[in-house]
Amino acid sequence: MKIRPIKDKKKIDIIFEKGTLLRGDKISIKFYNFNDNSASYGLAVPKKNIPMASKRNLIKRRLRAIISKSSFPKLSVGVSFFILYNSKMVLSSSQIESALKETRSAFINL
C-alpha cells in the first residue's frame, strides 16, 4: 500500500477536529481512521517555529523523503495522519528520522 499526500481539505479538517494526537518532543502525529481504502499523510511546519520559508521547505522535503522510504509498516488501511514539526531548530535527516520513529512507535501500537 502506497501512502499518498492528503488532497482533500475536508479530510484535513476531520483529522484536526476528531483525530488523536500523539505528542513527541520534536514531532507530533495527529491521525484519524477513515475506514476507506487509502492511507494518506500531511505535513505541517509552523511559521512560528521556523520563520524562513527556505528552511521550512527543507524540513518538508526531508520529512517526505523519510515517509517515502519507511512507508510506515503495519499501518492500518484507511488511517490518515498529519505530521506536525514542533522543533524550533532545523534538524538533520537522521535526527528527524529518529524523532519520527519515537513518535511512530506509539502510533503503530494503537
PDB file of N, CA and C in Angstrom:
ATOM      1  N   MET A   1       0.838  -1.172   0.000  1.00  0.00           N
ATOM      2  CA  MET A   1       0.000   0.000   0.000  1.00  0.00           C
ATOM      3  C   MET A   1       0.889   1.243   0.000  1.00  0.00           C
ATOM      4  N   LYS A   2       0.594   2.154  -0.913  1.00  0.00           N
ATOM      5  CA  LYS A   2       1.363   3.378  -1.022  1.00  0.00           C
ATOM      6  C   LYS A   2       0.658   4.503  -0.277  1.00  0.00           C
ATOM      7  N   ILE A   3       1.423   5.240   0.481  1.00  0.00           N
ATOM      8  CA  ILE A   3       0.879   6.367   1.222  1.00  0.00           C
ATOM      9  C   ILE A   3       0.973   7.603   0.332  1.00  0.00           C
ATOM     10  N   ARG A   4      -0.137   8.302   0.171  1.00  0.00           N
ATOM     11  CA  ARG A   4      -0.200   9.474  -0.688  1.00  0.00           C
ATOM     12  C   ARG A   4      -0.485  10.726   0.144  1.00  0.00           C
ATOM     13  N   PRO A   5      -0.103  11.896  -0.385  1.00  0.00           N
ATOM     14  CA  PRO A   5      -0.431  13.140   0.331  1.00  0.00           C
ATOM     15  C   PRO A   5      -1.940  13.389   0.356  1.00  0.00           C
ATOM     16  N   ILE A   6      -2.400  14.029   1.398  1.00  0.00           N
ATOM     17  CA  ILE A   6      -3.820  14.372   1.515  1.00  0.00           C
ATOM     18  C   ILE A   6      -4.112  15.534   0.578  1.00  0.00           C
ATOM     19  N   LYS A   7      -5.136  15.375  -0.255  1.00  0.00           N
ATOM     20  CA  LYS A   7      -5.537  16.433  -1.182  1.00  0.00           C
ATOM     21  C   LYS A   7      -6.873  17.054  -0.793  1.00  0.00           C
ATOM     22  N   ASP A   8      -7.617  16.403   0.071  1.00  0.00           N
ATOM     23  CA  ASP A   8      -8.971  16.821   0.416  1.00  0.00           C
ATOM     24  C   ASP A   8      -8.963  17.678   1.684  1.00  0.00           C
ATOM     25  N   LYS A   9      -9.396  18.923   1.569  1.00  0.00           N
ATOM     26  CA  LYS A   9      -9.442  19.842   2.706  1.00  0.00           C
ATOM     27  C   LYS A   9     -10.363  19.327   3.812  1.00  0.00           C
ATOM     28  N   LYS A  10     -11.443  18.669   3.432  1.00  0.00           N
ATOM     29  CA  LYS A  10     -12.379  18.135   4.429  1.00  0.00           C
ATOM     30  C   LYS A  10     -11.717  17.062   5.292  1.00  0.00           C
ATOM     31  N   LYS A  11     -10.874  16.229   4.664  1.00  0.00           N
ATOM     32  CA  LYS A  11     -10.148  15.197   5.408  1.00  0.00           C
ATOM     33  C   LYS A  11      -9.216  15.832   6.441  1.00  0.00           C
ATOM     34  N   ILE A  12      -8.544  16.893   6.027  1.00  0.00           N
ATOM     35  CA  ILE A  12      -7.622  17.584   6.936  1.00  0.00           C
ATOM     36  C   ILE A  12      -8.396  18.150   8.127  1.00  0.00           C
ATOM     37  N   ASP A  13      -9.542  18.771   7.846  1.00  0.00           N
ATOM     38  CA  ASP A  13     -10.358  19.331   8.927  1.00  0.00           C
ATOM     39  C   ASP A  13     -10.816  18.243   9.895  1.00  0.00           C
ATOM     40  N   ILE A  14     -11.234  17.095   9.367  1.00  0.00           N
ATOM     41  CA  ILE A  14     -11.690  15.993  10.217  1.00  0.00           C
ATOM     42  C   ILE A  14     -10.553  15.465  11.079  1.00  0.00           C
ATOM     43  N   ILE A  15      -9.356  15.352  10.493  1.00  0.00           N
ATOM     44  CA  ILE A  15      -8.200  14.869  11.260  1.00  0.00           C
ATOM     45  C   ILE A  15      -7.938  15.789  12.444  1.00  0.00           C
ATOM     46  N   PHE A  16      -7.995  17.108  12.226  1.00  0.00           N
ATOM     47  CA  PHE A  16      -7.707  18.041  13.315  1.00  0.00           C
ATOM     48  C   PHE A  16      -8.853  18.162  14.310  1.00  0.00           C
ATOM     49  N   GLU A  17     -10.094  17.935  13.877  1.00  0.00           N
ATOM     50  CA  GLU A  17     -11.223  18.025  14.805  1.00  0.00           C
ATOM     51  C   GLU A  17     -11.404  16.752  15.629  1.00  0.00           C
ATOM     52  N   LYS A  18     -11.368  15.595  14.966  1.00  0.00           N
ATOM     53  CA  LYS A  18     -11.711  14.336  15.625  1.00  0.00           C
ATOM     54  C   LYS A  18     -10.526  13.414  15.861  1.00  0.00           C
ATOM     55  N   GLY A  19      -9.366  13.759  15.328  1.00  0.00           N
ATOM     56  CA  GLY A  19      -8.219  12.867  15.385  1.00  0.00           C
ATOM     57  C   GLY A  19      -7.569  12.772  16.750  1.00  0.00           C
ATOM     58  N   THR A  20      -6.721  11.788  16.891  1.00  0.00           N
ATOM     59  CA  THR A  20      -5.966  11.547  18.118  1.00  0.00           C
ATOM     60  C   THR A  20      -4.568  12.111  17.953  1.00  0.00           C
ATOM     61  N   LEU A  21      -4.078  12.804  18.957  1.00  0.00           N
ATOM     62  CA  LEU A  21      -2.760  13.428  18.903  1.00  0.00           C
ATOM     63  C   LEU A  21      -1.756  12.624  19.717  1.00  0.00           C
ATOM     64  N   LEU A  22      -0.647  12.291  19.102  1.00  0.00           N
ATOM     65  CA  LEU A  22       0.491  11.680  19.799  1.00  0.00           C
ATOM     66  C   LEU A  22       1.595  12.728  19.842  1.00  0.00           C
ATOM     67  N   ARG A  23       1.855  13.239  21.013  1.00  0.00           N
ATOM     68  CA  ARG A  23       2.800  14.341  21.148  1.00  0.00           C
ATOM     69  C   ARG A  23       4.206  13.802  21.404  1.00  0.00           C
ATOM     70  N   GLY A  24       5.150  14.314  20.628  1.00  0.00           N
ATOM     71  CA  GLY A  24       6.553  13.998  20.818  1.00  0.00           C
ATOM     72  C   GLY A  24       7.320  15.276  21.094  1.00  0.00           C
ATOM     73  N   ASP A  25       8.600  15.155  21.417  1.00  0.00           N
ATOM     74  CA  ASP A  25       9.424  16.337  21.678  1.00  0.00           C
ATOM     75  C   ASP A  25       9.553  17.228  20.449  1.00  0.00           C
ATOM     76  N   LYS A  26       9.935  16.605  19.346  1.00  0.00           N
ATOM     77  CA  LYS A  26      10.230  17.371  18.134  1.00  0.00           C
ATOM     78  C   LYS A  26       9.181  17.191  17.047  1.00  0.00           C
ATOM     79  N   ILE A  27       8.487  16.067  17.077  1.00  0.00           N
ATOM     80  CA  ILE A  27       7.478  15.770  16.055  1.00  0.00           C
ATOM     81  C   ILE A  27       6.255  15.159  16.734  1.00  0.00           C
ATOM     82  N   SER A  28       5.081  15.629  16.326  1.00  0.00           N
ATOM     83  CA  SER A  28       3.823  15.062  16.801  1.00  0.00           C
ATOM     84  C   SER A  28       3.061  14.501  15.615  1.00  0.00           C
ATOM     85  N   ILE A  29       2.200  13.530  15.875  1.00  0.00           N
ATOM     86  CA  ILE A  29       1.382  12.929  14.819  1.00  0.00           C
ATOM     87  C   ILE A  29      -0.077  13.003  15.242  1.00  0.00           C
ATOM     88  N   LYS A  30      -0.900  13.517  14.366  1.00  0.00           N
ATOM     89  CA  LYS A  30      -2.346  13.558  14.574  1.00  0.00           C
ATOM     90  C   LYS A  30      -2.947  12.633  13.526  1.00  0.00           C
ATOM     91  N   PHE A  31      -3.765  11.660  13.951  1.00  0.00           N
ATOM     92  CA  PHE A  31      -4.285  10.688  12.994  1.00  0.00           C
ATOM     93  C   PHE A  31      -5.758  10.407  13.222  1.00  0.00           C
ATOM     94  N   TYR A  32      -6.393   9.863  12.185  1.00  0.00           N
ATOM     95  CA  TYR A  32      -7.802   9.509  12.240  1.00  0.00           C
ATOM     96  C   TYR A  32      -8.037   8.365  11.265  1.00  0.00           C
ATOM     97  N   ASN A  33      -8.867   7.395  11.663  1.00  0.00           N
ATOM     98  CA  ASN A  33      -9.179   6.256  10.805  1.00  0.00           C
ATOM     99  C   ASN A  33     -10.466   6.548  10.042  1.00  0.00           C
ATOM    100  N   PHE A  34     -10.348   6.697   8.723  1.00  0.00           N
ATOM    101  CA  PHE A  34     -11.496   6.992   7.871  1.00  0.00           C
ATOM    102  C   PHE A  34     -12.208   5.727   7.391  1.00  0.00           C
ATOM    103  N   ASN A  35     -11.632   4.556   7.636  1.00  0.00           N
ATOM    104  CA  ASN A  35     -12.198   3.276   7.201  1.00  0.00           C
ATOM    105  C   ASN A  35     -12.463   3.242   5.702  1.00  0.00           C
ATOM    106  N   ASP A  36     -11.553   3.816   4.920  1.00  0.00           N
ATOM    107  CA  ASP A  36     -11.641   3.714   3.464  1.00  0.00           C
ATOM    108  C   ASP A  36     -10.460   2.892   2.968  1.00  0.00           C
ATOM    109  N   ASN A  37     -10.212   2.874   1.689  1.00  0.00           N
ATOM    110  CA  ASN A  37      -9.182   2.001   1.123  1.00  0.00           C
ATOM    111  C   ASN A  37      -7.838   2.677   0.919  1.00  0.00           C
ATOM    112  N   SER A  38      -7.654   3.863   1.418  1.00  0.00           N
ATOM    113  CA  SER A  38      -6.390   4.545   1.177  1.00  0.00           C
ATOM    114  C   SER A  38      -5.787   5.052   2.484  1.00  0.00           C
ATOM    115  N   ALA A  39      -4.495   5.235   2.452  1.00  0.00           N
ATOM    116  CA  ALA A  39      -3.779   5.847   3.567  1.00  0.00           C
ATOM    117  C   ALA A  39      -3.118   7.108   3.023  1.00  0.00           C
ATOM    118  N   SER A  40      -3.222   8.189   3.761  1.00  0.00           N
ATOM    119  CA  SER A  40      -2.650   9.439   3.283  1.00  0.00           C
ATOM    120  C   SER A  40      -2.009  10.197   4.442  1.00  0.00           C
ATOM    121  N   TYR A  41      -1.179  11.179   4.090  1.00  0.00           N
ATOM    122  CA  TYR A  41      -0.458  11.934   5.102  1.00  0.00           C
ATOM    123  C   TYR A  41      -0.439  13.418   4.736  1.00  0.00           C
ATOM    124  N   GLY A  42      -0.168  14.231   5.732  1.00  0.00           N
ATOM    125  CA  GLY A  42       0.029  15.658   5.544  1.00  0.00           C
ATOM    126  C   GLY A  42       1.187  16.111   6.415  1.00  0.00           C
ATOM    127  N   LEU A  43       1.758  17.258   6.060  1.00  0.00           N
ATOM    128  CA  LEU A  43       2.888  17.791   6.807  1.00  0.00           C
ATOM    129  C   LEU A  43       2.603  19.222   7.214  1.00  0.00           C
ATOM    130  N   ALA A  44       3.037  19.601   8.399  1.00  0.00           N
ATOM    131  CA  ALA A  44       2.903  20.982   8.860  1.00  0.00           C
ATOM    132  C   ALA A  44       4.187  21.397   9.567  1.00  0.00           C
ATOM    133  N   VAL A  45       4.789  22.470   9.061  1.00  0.00           N
ATOM    134  CA  VAL A  45       5.946  23.075   9.704  1.00  0.00           C
ATOM    135  C   VAL A  45       5.550  24.522   9.982  1.00  0.00           C
ATOM    136  N   PRO A  46       5.195  24.844  11.232  1.00  0.00           N
ATOM    137  CA  PRO A  46       4.668  26.167  11.542  1.00  0.00           C
ATOM    138  C   PRO A  46       5.669  27.297  11.298  1.00  0.00           C
ATOM    139  N   LYS A  47       5.146  28.383  10.758  1.00  0.00           N
ATOM    140  CA  LYS A  47       5.939  29.576  10.510  1.00  0.00           C
ATOM    141  C   LYS A  47       6.434  30.181  11.827  1.00  0.00           C
ATOM    142  N   LYS A  48       5.668  29.965  12.884  1.00  0.00           N
ATOM    143  CA  LYS A  48       6.041  30.467  14.209  1.00  0.00           C
ATOM    144  C   LYS A  48       7.349  29.832  14.688  1.00  0.00           C
ATOM    145  N   ASN A  49       7.536  28.536  14.395  1.00  0.00           N
ATOM    146  CA  ASN A  49       8.746  27.833  14.831  1.00  0.00           C
ATOM    147  C   ASN A  49       9.918  28.052  13.882  1.00  0.00           C
ATOM    148  N   ILE A  50       9.659  28.019  12.580  1.00  0.00           N
ATOM    149  CA  ILE A  50      10.708  28.179  11.570  1.00  0.00           C
ATOM    150  C   ILE A  50      10.294  29.344  10.659  1.00  0.00           C
ATOM    151  N   PRO A  51      10.771  30.560  10.917  1.00  0.00           N
ATOM    152  CA  PRO A  51      10.296  31.715  10.161  1.00  0.00           C
ATOM    153  C   PRO A  51      10.735  31.755   8.689  1.00  0.00           C
ATOM    154  N   MET A  52      11.881  31.191   8.356  1.00  0.00           N
ATOM    155  CA  MET A  52      12.363  31.263   6.964  1.00  0.00           C
ATOM    156  C   MET A  52      11.719  30.180   6.112  1.00  0.00           C
ATOM    157  N   ALA A  53      11.131  30.591   4.994  1.00  0.00           N
ATOM    158  CA  ALA A  53      10.424  29.665   4.108  1.00  0.00           C
ATOM    159  C   ALA A  53      11.356  28.599   3.538  1.00  0.00           C
ATOM    160  N   SER A  54      12.577  28.976   3.218  1.00  0.00           N
ATOM    161  CA  SER A  54      13.516  28.010   2.636  1.00  0.00           C
ATOM    162  C   SER A  54      13.825  26.882   3.618  1.00  0.00           C
ATOM    163  N   LYS A  55      13.922  27.207   4.893  1.00  0.00           N
ATOM    164  CA  LYS A  55      14.187  26.180   5.904  1.00  0.00           C
ATOM    165  C   LYS A  55      12.950  25.312   6.135  1.00  0.00           C
ATOM    166  N   ARG A  56      11.748  25.924   6.098  1.00  0.00           N
ATOM    167  CA  ARG A  56      10.515  25.133   6.221  1.00  0.00           C
ATOM    168  C   ARG A  56      10.406  24.154   5.053  1.00  0.00           C
ATOM    169  N   ASN A  57      10.726  24.603   3.861  1.00  0.00           N
ATOM    170  CA  ASN A  57      10.676  23.725   2.691  1.00  0.00           C
ATOM    171  C   ASN A  57      11.709  22.607   2.787  1.00  0.00           C
ATOM    172  N   LEU A  58      12.882  22.916   3.312  1.00  0.00           N
ATOM    173  CA  LEU A  58      13.910  21.895   3.514  1.00  0.00           C
ATOM    174  C   LEU A  58      13.414  20.812   4.462  1.00  0.00           C
ATOM    175  N   ILE A  59      12.790  21.225   5.550  1.00  0.00           N
ATOM    176  CA  ILE A  59      12.260  20.272   6.529  1.00  0.00           C
ATOM    177  C   ILE A  59      11.173  19.413   5.887  1.00  0.00           C
ATOM    178  N   LYS A  60      10.284  20.024   5.106  1.00  0.00           N
ATOM    179  CA  LYS A  60       9.221  19.266   4.438  1.00  0.00           C
ATOM    180  C   LYS A  60       9.795  18.265   3.452  1.00  0.00           C
ATOM    181  N   ARG A  61      10.822  18.642   2.695  1.00  0.00           N
ATOM    182  CA  ARG A  61      11.465  17.695   1.762  1.00  0.00           C
ATOM    183  C   ARG A  61      12.065  16.518   2.516  1.00  0.00           C
ATOM    184  N   ARG A  62      12.718  16.808   3.634  1.00  0.00           N
ATOM    185  CA  ARG A  62      13.310  15.734   4.442  1.00  0.00           C
ATOM    186  C   ARG A  62      12.227  14.805   4.991  1.00  0.00           C
ATOM    187  N   LEU A  63      11.131  15.370   5.473  1.00  0.00           N
ATOM    188  CA  LEU A  63      10.038  14.547   6.001  1.00  0.00           C
ATOM    189  C   LEU A  63       9.433  13.672   4.901  1.00  0.00           C
ATOM    190  N   ARG A  64       9.205  14.239   3.709  1.00  0.00           N
ATOM    191  CA  ARG A  64       8.649  13.450   2.599  1.00  0.00           C
ATOM    192  C   ARG A  64       9.571  12.293   2.223  1.00  0.00           C
ATOM    193  N   ALA A  65      10.876  12.555   2.207  1.00  0.00           N
ATOM    194  CA  ALA A  65      11.830  11.502   1.876  1.00  0.00           C
ATOM    195  C   ALA A  65      11.804  10.385   2.916  1.00  0.00           C
ATOM    196  N   ILE A  66      11.724  10.740   4.174  1.00  0.00           N
ATOM    197  CA  ILE A  66      11.679   9.741   5.245  1.00  0.00           C
ATOM    198  C   ILE A  66      10.400   8.930   5.168  1.00  0.00           C
ATOM    199  N   ILE A  67       9.277   9.587   4.916  1.00  0.00           N
ATOM    200  CA  ILE A  67       7.997   8.884   4.809  1.00  0.00           C
ATOM    201  C   ILE A  67       7.998   7.932   3.626  1.00  0.00           C
ATOM    202  N   SER A  68       8.539   8.376   2.489  1.00  0.00           N
ATOM    203  CA  SER A  68       8.517   7.521   1.295  1.00  0.00           C
ATOM    204  C   SER A  68       9.411   6.296   1.444  1.00  0.00           C
ATOM    205  N   LYS A  69      10.537   6.428   2.133  1.00  0.00           N
ATOM    206  CA  LYS A  69      11.418   5.260   2.258  1.00  0.00           C
ATOM    207  C   LYS A  69      11.001   4.319   3.385  1.00  0.00           C
ATOM    208  N   SER A  70      10.351   4.846   4.442  1.00  0.00           N
ATOM    209  CA  SER A  70       9.969   3.967   5.548  1.00  0.00           C
ATOM    210  C   SER A  70       8.603   3.341   5.334  1.00  0.00           C
ATOM    211  N   SER A  71       7.718   4.029   4.663  1.00  0.00           N
ATOM    212  CA  SER A  71       6.376   3.578   4.289  1.00  0.00           C
ATOM    213  C   SER A  71       5.551   3.023   5.460  1.00  0.00           C
ATOM    214  N   PHE A  72       5.820   3.476   6.659  1.00  0.00           N
ATOM    215  CA  PHE A  72       5.015   3.171   7.841  1.00  0.00           C
ATOM    216  C   PHE A  72       4.524   1.731   7.877  1.00  0.00           C
ATOM    217  N   PRO A  73       5.369   0.789   8.265  1.00  0.00           N
ATOM    218  CA  PRO A  73       4.946  -0.600   8.334  1.00  0.00           C
ATOM    219  C   PRO A  73       3.816  -0.809   9.339  1.00  0.00           C
ATOM    220  N   LYS A  74       3.003  -1.796   9.109  1.00  0.00           N
ATOM    221  CA  LYS A  74       1.885  -2.179   9.972  1.00  0.00           C
ATOM    222  C   LYS A  74       0.827  -1.086  10.102  1.00  0.00           C
ATOM    223  N   LEU A  75       0.779  -0.160   9.139  1.00  0.00           N
ATOM    224  CA  LEU A  75      -0.217   0.894   9.177  1.00  0.00           C
ATOM    225  C   LEU A  75      -1.538   0.362   8.659  1.00  0.00           C
ATOM    226  N   SER A  76      -2.608   0.561   9.406  1.00  0.00           N
ATOM    227  CA  SER A  76      -3.924   0.070   9.016  1.00  0.00           C
ATOM    228  C   SER A  76      -4.405   0.796   7.763  1.00  0.00           C
ATOM    229  N   VAL A  77      -5.127   0.072   6.917  1.00  0.00           N
ATOM    230  CA  VAL A  77      -5.709   0.680   5.729  1.00  0.00           C
ATOM    231  C   VAL A  77      -6.814   1.621   6.183  1.00  0.00           C
ATOM    232  N   GLY A  78      -6.836   2.816   5.637  1.00  0.00           N
ATOM    233  CA  GLY A  78      -7.851   3.795   5.992  1.00  0.00           C
ATOM    234  C   GLY A  78      -7.396   4.834   6.986  1.00  0.00           C
ATOM    235  N   VAL A  79      -6.215   4.677   7.561  1.00  0.00           N
ATOM    236  CA  VAL A  79      -5.718   5.638   8.533  1.00  0.00           C
ATOM    237  C   VAL A  79      -4.975   6.757   7.795  1.00  0.00           C
ATOM    238  N   SER A  80      -5.389   7.979   8.051  1.00  0.00           N
ATOM    239  CA  SER A  80      -4.702   9.148   7.517  1.00  0.00           C
ATOM    240  C   SER A  80      -4.088   9.906   8.683  1.00  0.00           C
ATOM    241  N   PHE A  81      -2.934  10.495   8.466  1.00  0.00           N
ATOM    242  CA  PHE A  81      -2.241  11.161   9.563  1.00  0.00           C
ATOM    243  C   PHE A  81      -1.604  12.462   9.099  1.00  0.00           C
ATOM    244  N   PHE A  82      -1.338  13.322  10.046  1.00  0.00           N
ATOM    245  CA  PHE A  82      -0.714  14.609   9.804  1.00  0.00           C
ATOM    246  C   PHE A  82       0.497  14.702  10.710  1.00  0.00           C
ATOM    247  N   ILE A  83       1.649  15.027  10.155  1.00  0.00           N
ATOM    248  CA  ILE A  83       2.876  15.152  10.936  1.00  0.00           C
ATOM    249  C   ILE A  83       3.097  16.629  11.237  1.00  0.00           C
ATOM    250  N   LEU A  84       3.245  16.941  12.516  1.00  0.00           N
ATOM    251  CA  LEU A  84       3.449  18.312  12.970  1.00  0.00           C
ATOM    252  C   LEU A  84       4.876  18.456  13.494  1.00  0.00           C
ATOM    253  N   TYR A  85       5.635  19.367  12.908  1.00  0.00           N
ATOM    254  CA  TYR A  85       7.021  19.608  13.294  1.00  0.00           C
ATOM    255  C   TYR A  85       7.032  20.613  14.439  1.00  0.00           C
ATOM    256  N   ASN A  86       7.497  20.217  15.619  1.00  0.00           N
ATOM    257  CA  ASN A  86       7.445  21.060  16.814  1.00  0.00           C
ATOM    258  C   ASN A  86       8.756  21.762  17.148  1.00  0.00           C
ATOM    259  N   SER A  87       9.858  21.295  16.616  1.00  0.00           N
ATOM    260  CA  SER A  87      11.161  21.827  16.986  1.00  0.00           C
ATOM    261  C   SER A  87      11.351  23.242  16.450  1.00  0.00           C
ATOM    262  N   LYS A  88      12.111  24.046  17.161  1.00  0.00           N
ATOM    263  CA  LYS A  88      12.407  25.404  16.717  1.00  0.00           C
ATOM    264  C   LYS A  88      13.731  25.465  15.956  1.00  0.00           C
ATOM    265  N   MET A  89      14.395  24.311  15.821  1.00  0.00           N
ATOM    266  CA  MET A  89      15.660  24.235  15.088  1.00  0.00           C
ATOM    267  C   MET A  89      15.468  23.370  13.846  1.00  0.00           C
ATOM    268  N   VAL A  90      16.336  23.594  12.854  1.00  0.00           N
ATOM    269  CA  VAL A  90      16.331  22.747  11.667  1.00  0.00           C
ATOM    270  C   VAL A  90      17.161  21.515  12.002  1.00  0.00           C
ATOM    271  N   LEU A  91      16.511  20.363  12.007  1.00  0.00           N
ATOM    272  CA  LEU A  91      17.179  19.112  12.349  1.00  0.00           C
ATOM    273  C   LEU A  91      17.673  18.419  11.093  1.00  0.00           C
ATOM    274  N   SER A  92      18.718  17.617  11.248  1.00  0.00           N
ATOM    275  CA  SER A  92      19.218  16.831  10.123  1.00  0.00           C
ATOM    276  C   SER A  92      18.238  15.692   9.828  1.00  0.00           C
ATOM    277  N   SER A  93      18.424  15.068   8.684  1.00  0.00           N
ATOM    278  CA  SER A  93      17.528  13.969   8.298  1.00  0.00           C
ATOM    279  C   SER A  93      17.551  12.841   9.312  1.00  0.00           C
ATOM    280  N   SER A  94      18.728  12.508   9.823  1.00  0.00           N
ATOM    281  CA  SER A  94      18.823  11.415  10.793  1.00  0.00           C
ATOM    282  C   SER A  94      18.143  11.784  12.112  1.00  0.00           C
ATOM    283  N   GLN A  95      18.244  13.046  12.531  1.00  0.00           N
ATOM    284  CA  GLN A  95      17.577  13.480  13.752  1.00  0.00           C
ATOM    285  C   GLN A  95      16.058  13.467  13.575  1.00  0.00           C
ATOM    286  N   ILE A  96      15.600  13.904  12.407  1.00  0.00           N
ATOM    287  CA  ILE A  96      14.166  13.885  12.124  1.00  0.00           C
ATOM    288  C   ILE A  96      13.661  12.448  12.098  1.00  0.00           C
ATOM    289  N   GLU A  97      14.430  11.570  11.476  1.00  0.00           N
ATOM    290  CA  GLU A  97      14.019  10.166  11.387  1.00  0.00           C
ATOM    291  C   GLU A  97      13.933   9.517  12.761  1.00  0.00           C
ATOM    292  N   SER A  98      14.895   9.795  13.636  1.00  0.00           N
ATOM    293  CA  SER A  98      14.842   9.203  14.979  1.00  0.00           C
ATOM    294  C   SER A  98      13.675   9.776  15.789  1.00  0.00           C
ATOM    295  N   ALA A  99      13.399  11.080  15.657  1.00  0.00           N
ATOM    296  CA  ALA A  99      12.258  11.681  16.358  1.00  0.00           C
ATOM    297  C   ALA A  99      10.947  11.115  15.832  1.00  0.00           C
ATOM    298  N   LEU A 100      10.887  10.894  14.529  1.00  0.00           N
ATOM    299  CA  LEU A 100       9.681  10.325  13.924  1.00  0.00           C
ATOM    300  C   LEU A 100       9.490   8.877  14.364  1.00  0.00           C
ATOM    301  N   LYS A 101      10.588   8.130  14.498  1.00  0.00           N
ATOM    302  CA  LYS A 101      10.489   6.731  14.946  1.00  0.00           C
ATOM    303  C   LYS A 101       9.981   6.648  16.371  1.00  0.00           C
ATOM    304  N   GLU A 102      10.417   7.565  17.232  1.00  0.00           N
ATOM    305  CA  GLU A 102       9.932   7.585  18.621  1.00  0.00           C
ATOM    306  C   GLU A 102       8.424   7.777  18.667  1.00  0.00           C
ATOM    307  N   THR A 103       7.953   8.766  17.942  1.00  0.00           N
ATOM    308  CA  THR A 103       6.520   9.059  17.940  1.00  0.00           C
ATOM    309  C   THR A 103       5.752   7.983  17.194  1.00  0.00           C
ATOM    310  N   ARG A 104       6.325   7.485  16.104  1.00  0.00           N
ATOM    311  CA  ARG A 104       5.660   6.479  15.274  1.00  0.00           C
ATOM    312  C   ARG A 104       5.474   5.172  16.018  1.00  0.00           C
ATOM    313  N   SER A 105       6.388   4.819  16.913  1.00  0.00           N
ATOM    314  CA  SER A 105       6.251   3.559  17.642  1.00  0.00           C
ATOM    315  C   SER A 105       4.980   3.576  18.486  1.00  0.00           C
ATOM    316  N   ALA A 106       4.655   4.696  19.078  1.00  0.00           N
ATOM    317  CA  ALA A 106       3.402   4.816  19.827  1.00  0.00           C
ATOM    318  C   ALA A 106       2.209   4.795  18.879  1.00  0.00           C
ATOM    319  N   PHE A 107       2.376   5.378  17.686  1.00  0.00           N
ATOM    320  CA  PHE A 107       1.321   5.453  16.678  1.00  0.00           C
ATOM    321  C   PHE A 107       0.953   4.070  16.158  1.00  0.00           C
ATOM    322  N   ILE A 108       1.938   3.228  15.892  1.00  0.00           N
ATOM    323  CA  ILE A 108       1.689   1.889  15.352  1.00  0.00           C
ATOM    324  C   ILE A 108       1.095   0.981  16.412  1.00  0.00           C
ATOM    325  N   ASN A 109       1.426   1.194  17.677  1.00  0.00           N
ATOM    326  CA  ASN A 109       0.902   0.348  18.735  1.00  0.00           C
ATOM    327  C   ASN A 109      -0.559   0.609  19.046  1.00  0.00           C
ATOM    328  N   LEU A 110      -1.115   1.706  18.546  1.00  0.00           N
ATOM    329  CA  LEU A 110      -2.531   1.999  18.805  1.00  0.00           C
ATOM    330  C   LEU A 110      -3.437   1.239  17.884  1.00  0.00           C
TER     331      LEU A 110
END
